[in-house]
């Protein structure tokens, strides 16, 4: 049975907003509702077609009233945050990730008309470490890199999803574990990291990174909403880039430093409101993470149009990143960053 009324969460963010605009112009749906505590971007509002925005907080039990009164039959949950790009309050993000998901799924459970759920998760649930698998499949154990980070939120969220599946087996559930999304208009931790003129790295590590172009992420969420695609799927591009290769392709200067100094540099960048490095993200940049996407291609029926390399190059071109050429100025800046980090660590 085709979906008639779709509700999309997290529409103030890039992926949720673009999905709302895409679904709002799709003739298959009678009604498309976007919910969030803040409105979508102005560009989304201009091209969202028949879609409508409702200011609502999924952490509030009143989300159940929105779902029931509108007769929603398909819920698309995109508001789970794996890695905030900029500094943010950890408690607020955790509330949306965990409490918000719990409230939303409780509302779905009580709404008899809901028959489909599409959830955006993250490949960060697999963790990243020296003993991690070379390639993760959907059946791999979920071991987040830290016991209190954003990836841990995603593991909890997926637990709530499995609970709903047991209580409401009639609901078709699609859970997509996304690799790090990148693109010209996507604001992520990695997008900010590789835009730094001097990119801090750790001596002795050159992690493999697997990325996903923003347009492919959007297409997967759209296809999951339009069609019946139940199951858990890793969503990433073909191929990998090492951190050093990515730095060179972006025209940046790598600054290797001792591992003990990197957290201090991360705090400096966070304090300057440049980029938010969580413990999960630091481990990813040390050890990397690669997922198998065979199931995405064969069972889900989608092959990413952009490889990891192509997605990264489009990000570089779209952001207008130019090779850093002023070697003397950069050397001075790199020295200041390293001295500040070492001094800060020594003073702790």
C-alpha atoms as a PDB file:
ATOM      1  CA  UNK A   1       0.000   0.000   0.000  1.00  0.00           C
ATOM      2  CA  UNK A   2       1.441   3.355  -1.029  1.00  0.00           C
ATOM      3  CA  UNK A   3       2.271   6.053   1.514  1.00  0.00           C
ATOM      4  CA  UNK A   4      -0.141   8.989   1.669  1.00  0.00           C
ATOM      5  CA  UNK A   5       0.932  11.191   4.575  1.00  0.00           C
ATOM      6  CA  UNK A   6       4.633  11.505   5.371  1.00  0.00           C
ATOM      7  CA  UNK A   7       6.248  13.184   8.372  1.00  0.00           C
ATOM      8  CA  UNK A   8       9.945  14.155   8.224  1.00  0.00           C
ATOM      9  CA  UNK A   9      11.916  15.128  11.347  1.00  0.00           C
ATOM     10  CA  UNK A  10      15.036  17.293  11.491  1.00  0.00           C
ATOM     11  CA  UNK A  11      14.093  19.539   8.581  1.00  0.00           C
ATOM     12  CA  UNK A  12      16.198  22.488   9.780  1.00  0.00           C
ATOM     13  CA  UNK A  13      19.307  20.439   8.945  1.00  0.00           C
ATOM     14  CA  UNK A  14      20.660  20.017   5.431  1.00  0.00           C
ATOM     15  CA  UNK A  15      19.581  16.436   4.716  1.00  0.00           C
ATOM     16  CA  UNK A  16      16.149  16.676   6.335  1.00  0.00           C
ATOM     17  CA  UNK A  17      15.396  19.996   4.651  1.00  0.00           C
ATOM     18  CA  UNK A  18      16.413  18.819   1.200  1.00  0.00           C
ATOM     19  CA  UNK A  19      14.389  15.633   1.658  1.00  0.00           C
ATOM     20  CA  UNK A  20      11.325  17.669   2.657  1.00  0.00           C
ATOM     21  CA  UNK A  21      11.665  19.761  -0.505  1.00  0.00           C
ATOM     22  CA  UNK A  22      12.118  16.656  -2.659  1.00  0.00           C
ATOM     23  CA  UNK A  23       9.112  14.835  -1.173  1.00  0.00           C
ATOM     24  CA  UNK A  24       7.002  18.001  -1.290  1.00  0.00           C
ATOM     25  CA  UNK A  25       7.106  17.934  -5.077  1.00  0.00           C
ATOM     26  CA  UNK A  26       6.472  14.177  -5.369  1.00  0.00           C
ATOM     27  CA  UNK A  27       2.965  13.399  -6.709  1.00  0.00           C
ATOM     28  CA  UNK A  28       2.833  10.124  -4.780  1.00  0.00           C
ATOM     29  CA  UNK A  29       1.979  11.777  -1.471  1.00  0.00           C
ATOM     30  CA  UNK A  30      -1.232  13.397  -0.338  1.00  0.00           C
ATOM     31  CA  UNK A  31       0.549  15.387   2.368  1.00  0.00           C
ATOM     32  CA  UNK A  32       4.165  15.936   3.495  1.00  0.00           C
ATOM     33  CA  UNK A  33       4.878  17.460   6.916  1.00  0.00           C
ATOM     34  CA  UNK A  34       8.251  18.612   8.188  1.00  0.00           C
ATOM     35  CA  UNK A  35       8.779  19.043  11.929  1.00  0.00           C
ATOM     36  CA  UNK A  36      11.606  20.669  13.862  1.00  0.00           C
ATOM     37  CA  UNK A  37      12.204  23.302  16.529  1.00  0.00           C
ATOM     38  CA  UNK A  38      13.522  25.673  13.837  1.00  0.00           C
ATOM     39  CA  UNK A  39      12.303  26.215  10.253  1.00  0.00           C
ATOM     40  CA  UNK A  40      14.110  24.841   7.196  1.00  0.00           C
ATOM     41  CA  UNK A  41      16.608  26.989   5.321  1.00  0.00           C
ATOM     42  CA  UNK A  42      15.117  29.765   3.174  1.00  0.00           C
ATOM     43  CA  UNK A  43      16.120  27.941  -0.002  1.00  0.00           C
ATOM     44  CA  UNK A  44      14.171  24.877   1.150  1.00  0.00           C
ATOM     45  CA  UNK A  45      11.110  26.974   2.012  1.00  0.00           C
ATOM     46  CA  UNK A  46      11.143  28.427  -1.512  1.00  0.00           C
ATOM     47  CA  UNK A  47      11.066  25.056  -3.233  1.00  0.00           C
ATOM     48  CA  UNK A  48       9.217  22.718  -0.870  1.00  0.00           C
ATOM     49  CA  UNK A  49       6.147  22.514  -3.106  1.00  0.00           C
ATOM     50  CA  UNK A  50       3.097  21.170  -1.281  1.00  0.00           C
ATOM     51  CA  UNK A  51       5.095  20.278   1.830  1.00  0.00           C
ATOM     52  CA  UNK A  52       4.340  22.127   5.060  1.00  0.00           C
ATOM     53  CA  UNK A  53       6.391  22.956   8.126  1.00  0.00           C
ATOM     54  CA  UNK A  54       5.141  22.452  11.677  1.00  0.00           C
ATOM     55  CA  UNK A  55       7.226  23.806  14.529  1.00  0.00           C
ATOM     56  CA  UNK A  56       7.329  20.875  16.946  1.00  0.00           C
ATOM     57  CA  UNK A  57       9.863  19.293  19.292  1.00  0.00           C
ATOM     58  CA  UNK A  58      10.127  15.518  19.047  1.00  0.00           C
ATOM     59  CA  UNK A  59      11.276  15.496  22.680  1.00  0.00           C
ATOM     60  CA  UNK A  60       7.789  16.641  23.656  1.00  0.00           C
ATOM     61  CA  UNK A  61       5.054  13.985  23.976  1.00  0.00           C
ATOM     62  CA  UNK A  62       2.835  16.302  21.914  1.00  0.00           C
ATOM     63  CA  UNK A  63       4.572  14.907  18.813  1.00  0.00           C
ATOM     64  CA  UNK A  64       2.114  12.030  19.169  1.00  0.00           C
ATOM     65  CA  UNK A  65      -0.764  14.454  18.601  1.00  0.00           C
ATOM     66  CA  UNK A  66       0.849  15.767  15.421  1.00  0.00           C
ATOM     67  CA  UNK A  67       1.206  12.227  14.068  1.00  0.00           C
ATOM     68  CA  UNK A  68      -2.292  11.080  14.996  1.00  0.00           C
ATOM     69  CA  UNK A  69      -4.193  14.226  13.993  1.00  0.00           C
ATOM     70  CA  UNK A  70      -2.547  14.333  10.552  1.00  0.00           C
ATOM     71  CA  UNK A  71      -3.103  10.624   9.922  1.00  0.00           C
ATOM     72  CA  UNK A  72       0.608  10.048   9.277  1.00  0.00           C
ATOM     73  CA  UNK A  73       1.410   6.622   7.850  1.00  0.00           C
ATOM     74  CA  UNK A  74       5.143   7.098   7.108  1.00  0.00           C
ATOM     75  CA  UNK A  75       7.696   8.629   9.490  1.00  0.00           C
ATOM     76  CA  UNK A  76      11.182   9.596   8.273  1.00  0.00           C
ATOM     77  CA  UNK A  77      13.540  10.312  11.175  1.00  0.00           C
ATOM     78  CA  UNK A  78      16.574  12.329  10.045  1.00  0.00           C
ATOM     79  CA  UNK A  79      17.312  14.366  13.172  1.00  0.00           C
ATOM     80  CA  UNK A  80      19.848  12.031  14.809  1.00  0.00           C
ATOM     81  CA  UNK A  81      23.172  13.907  15.005  1.00  0.00           C
ATOM     82  CA  UNK A  82      26.332  11.803  14.832  1.00  0.00           C
ATOM     83  CA  UNK A  83      28.942  14.573  14.853  1.00  0.00           C
ATOM     84  CA  UNK A  84      27.941  18.248  15.167  1.00  0.00           C
ATOM     85  CA  UNK A  85      30.110  20.303  12.842  1.00  0.00           C
ATOM     86  CA  UNK A  86      30.575  23.181  15.244  1.00  0.00           C
ATOM     87  CA  UNK A  87      30.685  23.452  19.014  1.00  0.00           C
ATOM     88  CA  UNK A  88      27.369  22.526  20.633  1.00  0.00           C
ATOM     89  CA  UNK A  89      26.029  21.566  24.035  1.00  0.00           C
ATOM     90  CA  UNK A  90      26.435  17.830  24.446  1.00  0.00           C
ATOM     91  CA  UNK A  91      23.381  17.533  26.704  1.00  0.00           C
ATOM     92  CA  UNK A  92      21.092  19.240  24.177  1.00  0.00           C
ATOM     93  CA  UNK A  93      22.245  17.022  21.303  1.00  0.00           C
ATOM     94  CA  UNK A  94      21.885  13.883  23.426  1.00  0.00           C
ATOM     95  CA  UNK A  95      18.326  14.866  24.351  1.00  0.00           C
ATOM     96  CA  UNK A  96      17.354  15.094  20.688  1.00  0.00           C
ATOM     97  CA  UNK A  97      19.206  11.904  19.754  1.00  0.00           C
ATOM     98  CA  UNK A  98      17.988   9.714  22.604  1.00  0.00           C
ATOM     99  CA  UNK A  99      14.967  11.285  24.311  1.00  0.00           C
ATOM    100  CA  UNK A 100      13.629  12.665  21.037  1.00  0.00           C
ATOM    101  CA  UNK A 101      13.889   9.300  19.301  1.00  0.00           C
ATOM    102  CA  UNK A 102      12.267   7.543  22.254  1.00  0.00           C
ATOM    103  CA  UNK A 103       9.306   9.967  22.217  1.00  0.00           C
ATOM    104  CA  UNK A 104       8.945   9.747  18.453  1.00  0.00           C
ATOM    105  CA  UNK A 105       8.947   5.952  18.382  1.00  0.00           C
ATOM    106  CA  UNK A 106       6.488   5.798  21.280  1.00  0.00           C
ATOM    107  CA  UNK A 107       4.180   7.998  19.228  1.00  0.00           C
ATOM    108  CA  UNK A 108       4.609   5.692  16.220  1.00  0.00           C
ATOM    109  CA  UNK A 109       3.785   2.671  18.354  1.00  0.00           C
ATOM    110  CA  UNK A 110       0.500   4.207  19.516  1.00  0.00           C
ATOM    111  CA  UNK A 111      -0.532   5.447  16.054  1.00  0.00           C
ATOM    112  CA  UNK A 112      -2.352   2.617  14.242  1.00  0.00           C
ATOM    113  CA  UNK A 113      -2.023   4.312  10.854  1.00  0.00           C
ATOM    114  CA  UNK A 114       1.803   4.364  10.939  1.00  0.00           C
ATOM    115  CA  UNK A 115       3.047   1.500   8.788  1.00  0.00           C
ATOM    116  CA  UNK A 116       6.510   2.633   7.695  1.00  0.00           C
ATOM    117  CA  UNK A 117       9.539   4.066   9.488  1.00  0.00           C
ATOM    118  CA  UNK A 118      12.758   5.265   7.840  1.00  0.00           C
ATOM    119  CA  UNK A 119      15.634   6.103  10.194  1.00  0.00           C
ATOM    120  CA  UNK A 120      18.930   7.848   9.484  1.00  0.00           C
ATOM    121  CA  UNK A 121      21.662   6.314  11.631  1.00  0.00           C
ATOM    122  CA  UNK A 122      25.447   6.360  11.337  1.00  0.00           C
ATOM    123  CA  UNK A 123      28.273   3.931  10.602  1.00  0.00           C
ATOM    124  CA  UNK A 124      29.915   5.353  13.724  1.00  0.00           C
ATOM    125  CA  UNK A 125      27.974   2.701  15.665  1.00  0.00           C
ATOM    126  CA  UNK A 126      30.722   0.257  14.638  1.00  0.00           C
ATOM    127  CA  UNK A 127      33.384   2.334  16.379  1.00  0.00           C
ATOM    128  CA  UNK A 128      36.979   2.850  15.272  1.00  0.00           C
ATOM    129  CA  UNK A 129      40.053   1.368  16.884  1.00  0.00           C
ATOM    130  CA  UNK A 130      43.266  -0.555  16.461  1.00  0.00           C
ATOM    131  CA  UNK A 131      41.403  -3.880  16.679  1.00  0.00           C
ATOM    132  CA  UNK A 132      38.431  -2.934  14.524  1.00  0.00           C
ATOM    133  CA  UNK A 133      37.471  -4.996  11.496  1.00  0.00           C
ATOM    134  CA  UNK A 134      38.983  -3.973   8.181  1.00  0.00           C
ATOM    135  CA  UNK A 135      35.476  -3.800   6.690  1.00  0.00           C
ATOM    136  CA  UNK A 136      32.207  -3.706   8.652  1.00  0.00           C
ATOM    137  CA  UNK A 137      29.025  -5.443   7.492  1.00  0.00           C
ATOM    138  CA  UNK A 138      25.510  -4.856   8.767  1.00  0.00           C
ATOM    139  CA  UNK A 139      25.930  -7.879  11.066  1.00  0.00           C
ATOM    140  CA  UNK A 140      29.077  -6.529  12.761  1.00  0.00           C
ATOM    141  CA  UNK A 141      28.953  -5.872  16.487  1.00  0.00           C
ATOM    142  CA  UNK A 142      28.072  -2.313  17.486  1.00  0.00           C
ATOM    143  CA  UNK A 143      30.938  -0.934  19.570  1.00  0.00           C
ATOM    144  CA  UNK A 144      31.014   2.882  19.660  1.00  0.00           C
ATOM    145  CA  UNK A 145      34.442   4.441  20.094  1.00  0.00           C
ATOM    146  CA  UNK A 146      33.512   6.030  23.432  1.00  0.00           C
ATOM    147  CA  UNK A 147      31.006   5.318  26.187  1.00  0.00           C
ATOM    148  CA  UNK A 148      29.456   8.780  26.181  1.00  0.00           C
ATOM    149  CA  UNK A 149      29.736  10.211  22.664  1.00  0.00           C
ATOM    150  CA  UNK A 150      27.356  10.821  19.811  1.00  0.00           C
ATOM    151  CA  UNK A 151      27.960   7.349  18.360  1.00  0.00           C
ATOM    152  CA  UNK A 152      26.769   5.880  21.673  1.00  0.00           C
ATOM    153  CA  UNK A 153      23.559   7.872  21.173  1.00  0.00           C
ATOM    154  CA  UNK A 154      23.086   6.171  17.802  1.00  0.00           C
ATOM    155  CA  UNK A 155      23.522   2.723  19.359  1.00  0.00           C
ATOM    156  CA  UNK A 156      20.832   3.576  21.933  1.00  0.00           C
ATOM    157  CA  UNK A 157      18.596   4.950  19.202  1.00  0.00           C
ATOM    158  CA  UNK A 158      18.910   1.757  17.174  1.00  0.00           C
ATOM    159  CA  UNK A 159      17.981  -0.195  20.310  1.00  0.00           C
ATOM    160  CA  UNK A 160      14.737   1.780  20.514  1.00  0.00           C
ATOM    161  CA  UNK A 161      14.085   1.035  16.837  1.00  0.00           C
ATOM    162  CA  UNK A 162      14.511  -2.707  17.416  1.00  0.00           C
ATOM    163  CA  UNK A 163      12.148  -2.457  20.370  1.00  0.00           C
ATOM    164  CA  UNK A 164       9.498  -0.855  18.165  1.00  0.00           C
ATOM    165  CA  UNK A 165       9.955  -3.605  15.588  1.00  0.00           C
ATOM    166  CA  UNK A 166       9.219  -6.241  18.243  1.00  0.00           C
ATOM    167  CA  UNK A 167       6.118  -4.435  19.505  1.00  0.00           C
ATOM    168  CA  UNK A 168       4.818  -3.403  16.071  1.00  0.00           C
ATOM    169  CA  UNK A 169       5.960  -6.058  13.575  1.00  0.00           C
ATOM    170  CA  UNK A 170       3.443  -4.633  11.098  1.00  0.00           C
ATOM    171  CA  UNK A 171       5.608  -1.505  10.651  1.00  0.00           C
ATOM    172  CA  UNK A 172       8.145  -1.714   7.822  1.00  0.00           C
ATOM    173  CA  UNK A 173      11.460  -0.316   9.101  1.00  0.00           C
ATOM    174  CA  UNK A 174      14.428   0.892   7.049  1.00  0.00           C
ATOM    175  CA  UNK A 175      17.544   1.806   9.016  1.00  0.00           C
ATOM    176  CA  UNK A 176      20.378   3.459   7.063  1.00  0.00           C
ATOM    177  CA  UNK A 177      23.853   3.646   8.603  1.00  0.00           C
ATOM    178  CA  UNK A 178      25.519   6.535   6.794  1.00  0.00           C
ATOM    179  CA  UNK A 179      29.237   7.036   6.366  1.00  0.00           C
ATOM    180  CA  UNK A 180      30.500  10.611   6.833  1.00  0.00           C
ATOM    181  CA  UNK A 181      28.559  12.813   4.419  1.00  0.00           C
ATOM    182  CA  UNK A 182      30.441  15.409   2.416  1.00  0.00           C
ATOM    183  CA  UNK A 183      29.674  17.801  -0.408  1.00  0.00           C
ATOM    184  CA  UNK A 184      29.818  21.443  -1.493  1.00  0.00           C
ATOM    185  CA  UNK A 185      26.907  22.537   0.705  1.00  0.00           C
ATOM    186  CA  UNK A 186      27.194  20.094   3.596  1.00  0.00           C
ATOM    187  CA  UNK A 187      28.537  21.432   6.894  1.00  0.00           C
ATOM    188  CA  UNK A 188      30.186  18.527   8.737  1.00  0.00           C
ATOM    189  CA  UNK A 189      33.168  17.932  10.988  1.00  0.00           C
ATOM    190  CA  UNK A 190      35.252  16.581   8.112  1.00  0.00           C
ATOM    191  CA  UNK A 191      34.224  19.432   5.813  1.00  0.00           C
ATOM    192  CA  UNK A 192      35.545  21.931   8.368  1.00  0.00           C
ATOM    193  CA  UNK A 193      38.582  19.816   9.213  1.00  0.00           C
ATOM    194  CA  UNK A 194      39.881  19.569   5.642  1.00  0.00           C
ATOM    195  CA  UNK A 195      39.192  23.280   5.064  1.00  0.00           C
ATOM    196  CA  UNK A 196      41.718  24.235   7.753  1.00  0.00           C
ATOM    197  CA  UNK A 197      44.843  25.745   6.151  1.00  0.00           C
ATOM    198  CA  UNK A 198      46.971  23.613   8.485  1.00  0.00           C
ATOM    199  CA  UNK A 199      45.432  20.214   9.235  1.00  0.00           C
ATOM    200  CA  UNK A 200      46.576  18.553  12.489  1.00  0.00           C
ATOM    201  CA  UNK A 201      47.276  14.821  12.219  1.00  0.00           C
ATOM    202  CA  UNK A 202      48.836  12.203  14.486  1.00  0.00           C
ATOM    203  CA  UNK A 203      52.346  10.860  13.976  1.00  0.00           C
ATOM    204  CA  UNK A 204      52.276   7.286  12.693  1.00  0.00           C
ATOM    205  CA  UNK A 205      48.603   7.217  11.602  1.00  0.00           C
ATOM    206  CA  UNK A 206      47.069   7.586   8.166  1.00  0.00           C
ATOM    207  CA  UNK A 207      43.487   6.373   8.472  1.00  0.00           C
ATOM    208  CA  UNK A 208      41.329   5.150   5.603  1.00  0.00           C
ATOM    209  CA  UNK A 209      38.205   7.269   5.195  1.00  0.00           C
ATOM    210  CA  UNK A 210      35.055   6.269   3.344  1.00  0.00           C
ATOM    211  CA  UNK A 211      32.715   9.131   2.506  1.00  0.00           C
ATOM    212  CA  UNK A 212      29.261   9.663   1.011  1.00  0.00           C
ATOM    213  CA  UNK A 213      28.197  12.500  -1.254  1.00  0.00           C
ATOM    214  CA  UNK A 214      25.264  14.526   0.052  1.00  0.00           C
ATOM    215  CA  UNK A 215      23.253  13.903  -3.116  1.00  0.00           C
ATOM    216  CA  UNK A 216      23.602  10.132  -2.679  1.00  0.00           C
ATOM    217  CA  UNK A 217      22.490  10.398   0.952  1.00  0.00           C
ATOM    218  CA  UNK A 218      19.414  12.316  -0.202  1.00  0.00           C
ATOM    219  CA  UNK A 219      18.631   9.775  -2.934  1.00  0.00           C
ATOM    220  CA  UNK A 220      18.815   6.862  -0.502  1.00  0.00           C
ATOM    221  CA  UNK A 221      16.428   8.530   1.951  1.00  0.00           C
ATOM    222  CA  UNK A 222      14.044   9.434  -0.868  1.00  0.00           C
ATOM    223  CA  UNK A 223      14.058   5.915  -2.294  1.00  0.00           C
ATOM    224  CA  UNK A 224      13.498   4.407   1.154  1.00  0.00           C
ATOM    225  CA  UNK A 225      10.465   6.685   1.599  1.00  0.00           C
ATOM    226  CA  UNK A 226       8.968   6.044  -1.840  1.00  0.00           C
ATOM    227  CA  UNK A 227       9.515   2.285  -1.892  1.00  0.00           C
ATOM    228  CA  UNK A 228       9.366  -0.662   0.506  1.00  0.00           C
ATOM    229  CA  UNK A 229      12.981  -1.272   1.534  1.00  0.00           C
ATOM    230  CA  UNK A 230      12.901  -2.910   4.986  1.00  0.00           C
ATOM    231  CA  UNK A 231      16.195  -3.814   6.632  1.00  0.00           C
ATOM    232  CA  UNK A 232      19.480  -2.396   7.893  1.00  0.00           C
ATOM    233  CA  UNK A 233      21.818  -0.955   5.265  1.00  0.00           C
ATOM    234  CA  UNK A 234      25.314   0.498   5.279  1.00  0.00           C
ATOM    235  CA  UNK A 235      25.301   3.579   3.052  1.00  0.00           C
ATOM    236  CA  UNK A 236      28.659   4.786   1.744  1.00  0.00           C
ATOM    237  CA  UNK A 237      30.519   5.431  -1.480  1.00  0.00           C
ATOM    238  CA  UNK A 238      32.851   3.027  -3.236  1.00  0.00           C
ATOM    239  CA  UNK A 239      36.557   3.379  -2.512  1.00  0.00           C
ATOM    240  CA  UNK A 240      38.525   5.074   0.243  1.00  0.00           C
ATOM    241  CA  UNK A 241      40.914   7.967   0.786  1.00  0.00           C
ATOM    242  CA  UNK A 242      43.609   8.114   3.403  1.00  0.00           C
ATOM    243  CA  UNK A 243      43.779  11.223   5.549  1.00  0.00           C
ATOM    244  CA  UNK A 244      47.076  12.255   3.918  1.00  0.00           C
ATOM    245  CA  UNK A 245      45.617  11.830   0.415  1.00  0.00           C
ATOM    246  CA  UNK A 246      42.603  13.940   1.348  1.00  0.00           C
ATOM    247  CA  UNK A 247      44.831  16.696   2.750  1.00  0.00           C
ATOM    248  CA  UNK A 248      46.830  16.816  -0.470  1.00  0.00           C
ATOM    249  CA  UNK A 249      43.708  16.808  -2.669  1.00  0.00           C
ATOM    250  CA  UNK A 250      42.333  19.733  -0.681  1.00  0.00           C
ATOM    251  CA  UNK A 251      45.595  21.636  -1.078  1.00  0.00           C
ATOM    252  CA  UNK A 252      46.096  21.809   2.685  1.00  0.00           C
ATOM    253  CA  UNK A 253      49.225  21.384   4.767  1.00  0.00           C
ATOM    254  CA  UNK A 254      49.343  18.417   7.129  1.00  0.00           C
ATOM    255  CA  UNK A 255      50.828  19.019  10.584  1.00  0.00           C
ATOM    256  CA  UNK A 256      51.801  15.695  12.221  1.00  0.00           C
ATOM    257  CA  UNK A 257      52.023  15.910  15.992  1.00  0.00           C
ATOM    258  CA  UNK A 258      52.243  13.546  18.967  1.00  0.00           C
ATOM    259  CA  UNK A 259      48.983  11.829  19.837  1.00  0.00           C
ATOM    260  CA  UNK A 260      49.065  13.294  23.344  1.00  0.00           C
ATOM    261  CA  UNK A 261      48.922  16.813  21.899  1.00  0.00           C
ATOM    262  CA  UNK A 262      45.995  16.303  19.490  1.00  0.00           C
ATOM    263  CA  UNK A 263      43.226  16.513  22.145  1.00  0.00           C
ATOM    264  CA  UNK A 264      44.628  19.887  23.224  1.00  0.00           C
ATOM    265  CA  UNK A 265      44.556  21.093  19.618  1.00  0.00           C
ATOM    266  CA  UNK A 266      40.997  19.816  19.358  1.00  0.00           C
ATOM    267  CA  UNK A 267      40.018  21.871  22.393  1.00  0.00           C
ATOM    268  CA  UNK A 268      41.675  24.959  20.900  1.00  0.00           C
ATOM    269  CA  UNK A 269      39.733  24.582  17.658  1.00  0.00           C
ATOM    270  CA  UNK A 270      36.515  23.954  19.554  1.00  0.00           C
ATOM    271  CA  UNK A 271      37.089  26.978  21.772  1.00  0.00           C
ATOM    272  CA  UNK A 272      37.679  29.120  18.686  1.00  0.00           C
ATOM    273  CA  UNK A 273      34.304  27.904  17.307  1.00  0.00           C
ATOM    274  CA  UNK A 274      36.037  26.409  14.268  1.00  0.00           C
ATOM    275  CA  UNK A 275      35.250  22.691  14.483  1.00  0.00           C
ATOM    276  CA  UNK A 276      33.983  20.308  17.164  1.00  0.00           C
ATOM    277  CA  UNK A 277      36.257  17.301  17.611  1.00  0.00           C
ATOM    278  CA  UNK A 278      34.612  14.625  19.744  1.00  0.00           C
ATOM    279  CA  UNK A 279      36.489  11.565  21.023  1.00  0.00           C
ATOM    280  CA  UNK A 280      34.665   9.490  18.391  1.00  0.00           C
ATOM    281  CA  UNK A 281      35.860  11.758  15.604  1.00  0.00           C
ATOM    282  CA  UNK A 282      39.461  11.775  16.800  1.00  0.00           C
ATOM    283  CA  UNK A 283      39.506   7.967  16.808  1.00  0.00           C
ATOM    284  CA  UNK A 284      38.073   7.927  13.291  1.00  0.00           C
ATOM    285  CA  UNK A 285      40.902  10.192  12.102  1.00  0.00           C
ATOM    286  CA  UNK A 286      43.407   7.852  13.764  1.00  0.00           C
ATOM    287  CA  UNK A 287      42.051   4.449  12.788  1.00  0.00           C
ATOM    288  CA  UNK A 288      39.523   5.039  10.006  1.00  0.00           C
ATOM    289  CA  UNK A 289      36.407   3.013   9.202  1.00  0.00           C
ATOM    290  CA  UNK A 290      35.229   1.210   6.053  1.00  0.00           C
ATOM    291  CA  UNK A 291      31.847  -0.460   5.567  1.00  0.00           C
ATOM    292  CA  UNK A 292      30.645  -3.034   3.065  1.00  0.00           C
ATOM    293  CA  UNK A 293      27.854  -1.757   0.790  1.00  0.00           C
ATOM    294  CA  UNK A 294      27.001  -4.974  -1.047  1.00  0.00           C
ATOM    295  CA  UNK A 295      23.610  -5.147   0.656  1.00  0.00           C
ATOM    296  CA  UNK A 296      22.866  -1.544  -0.350  1.00  0.00           C
ATOM    297  CA  UNK A 297      23.517  -2.364  -3.984  1.00  0.00           C
ATOM    298  CA  UNK A 298      21.879  -5.802  -4.197  1.00  0.00           C
ATOM    299  CA  UNK A 299      18.963  -5.705  -1.740  1.00  0.00           C
ATOM    300  CA  UNK A 300      18.177  -2.009  -1.460  1.00  0.00           C
ATOM    301  CA  UNK A 301      18.858  -1.480  -5.147  1.00  0.00           C
ATOM    302  CA  UNK A 302      20.990   1.650  -5.034  1.00  0.00           C
ATOM    303  CA  UNK A 303      24.535   2.176  -6.287  1.00  0.00           C
ATOM    304  CA  UNK A 304      26.094   5.494  -5.188  1.00  0.00           C
ATOM    305  CA  UNK A 305      26.778   7.778  -8.142  1.00  0.00           C
ATOM    306  CA  UNK A 306      29.825   9.333  -6.502  1.00  0.00           C
ATOM    307  CA  UNK A 307      32.889   7.426  -5.327  1.00  0.00           C
ATOM    308  CA  UNK A 308      34.641   8.556  -2.148  1.00  0.00           C
ATOM    309  CA  UNK A 309      37.312  10.252  -4.235  1.00  0.00           C
ATOM    310  CA  UNK A 310      34.787  11.972  -6.506  1.00  0.00           C
ATOM    311  CA  UNK A 311      32.676  13.115  -3.555  1.00  0.00           C
ATOM    312  CA  UNK A 312      35.717  14.639  -1.879  1.00  0.00           C
ATOM    313  CA  UNK A 313      36.850  16.367  -5.068  1.00  0.00           C
ATOM    314  CA  UNK A 314      33.364  17.839  -5.532  1.00  0.00           C
ATOM    315  CA  UNK A 315      33.522  19.155  -1.966  1.00  0.00           C
ATOM    316  CA  UNK A 316      36.906  20.784  -2.693  1.00  0.00           C
ATOM    317  CA  UNK A 317      35.684  22.342  -5.939  1.00  0.00           C
ATOM    318  CA  UNK A 318      32.338  23.422  -4.516  1.00  0.00           C
ATOM    319  CA  UNK A 319      33.912  25.074  -1.475  1.00  0.00           C
ATOM    320  CA  UNK A 320      36.405  26.865  -3.700  1.00  0.00           C
ATOM    321  CA  UNK A 321      39.366  25.536  -1.708  1.00  0.00           C
ATOM    322  CA  UNK A 322      42.639  26.702  -3.222  1.00  0.00           C
ATOM    323  CA  UNK A 323      46.073  25.203  -2.583  1.00  0.00           C
ATOM    324  CA  UNK A 324      47.878  26.922   0.229  1.00  0.00           C
ATOM    325  CA  UNK A 325      50.981  28.514  -1.281  1.00  0.00           C
ATOM    326  CA  UNK A 326      52.341  30.891   1.338  1.00  0.00           C
ATOM    327  CA  UNK A 327      54.734  28.427   2.917  1.00  0.00           C
ATOM    328  CA  UNK A 328      56.430  30.898   5.252  1.00  0.00           C
ATOM    329  CA  UNK A 329      53.191  32.197   6.701  1.00  0.00           C
ATOM    330  CA  UNK A 330      51.873  28.684   7.124  1.00  0.00           C
ATOM    331  CA  UNK A 331      55.017  27.491   8.822  1.00  0.00           C
ATOM    332  CA  UNK A 332      54.641  30.296  11.359  1.00  0.00           C
ATOM    333  CA  UNK A 333      50.968  29.449  11.911  1.00  0.00           C
ATOM    334  CA  UNK A 334      51.750  25.753  12.301  1.00  0.00           C
ATOM    335  CA  UNK A 335      54.423  26.568  14.866  1.00  0.00           C
ATOM    336  CA  UNK A 336      52.009  28.728  16.863  1.00  0.00           C
ATOM    337  CA  UNK A 337      49.351  26.003  16.887  1.00  0.00           C
ATOM    338  CA  UNK A 338      51.816  23.375  18.071  1.00  0.00           C
ATOM    339  CA  UNK A 339      53.363  25.641  20.750  1.00  0.00           C
ATOM    340  CA  UNK A 340      49.916  26.634  22.016  1.00  0.00           C
ATOM    341  CA  UNK A 341      48.869  22.996  22.220  1.00  0.00           C
ATOM    342  CA  UNK A 342      52.012  21.895  24.044  1.00  0.00           C
ATOM    343  CA  UNK A 343      51.861  24.878  26.421  1.00  0.00           C
ATOM    344  CA  UNK A 344      48.200  24.203  27.157  1.00  0.00           C
ATOM    345  CA  UNK A 345      48.901  20.563  27.870  1.00  0.00           C
ATOM    346  CA  UNK A 346      51.834  21.374  30.132  1.00  0.00           C
ATOM    347  CA  UNK A 347      49.726  23.836  32.093  1.00  0.00           C
ATOM    348  CA  UNK A 348      47.007  21.301  32.876  1.00  0.00           C
END
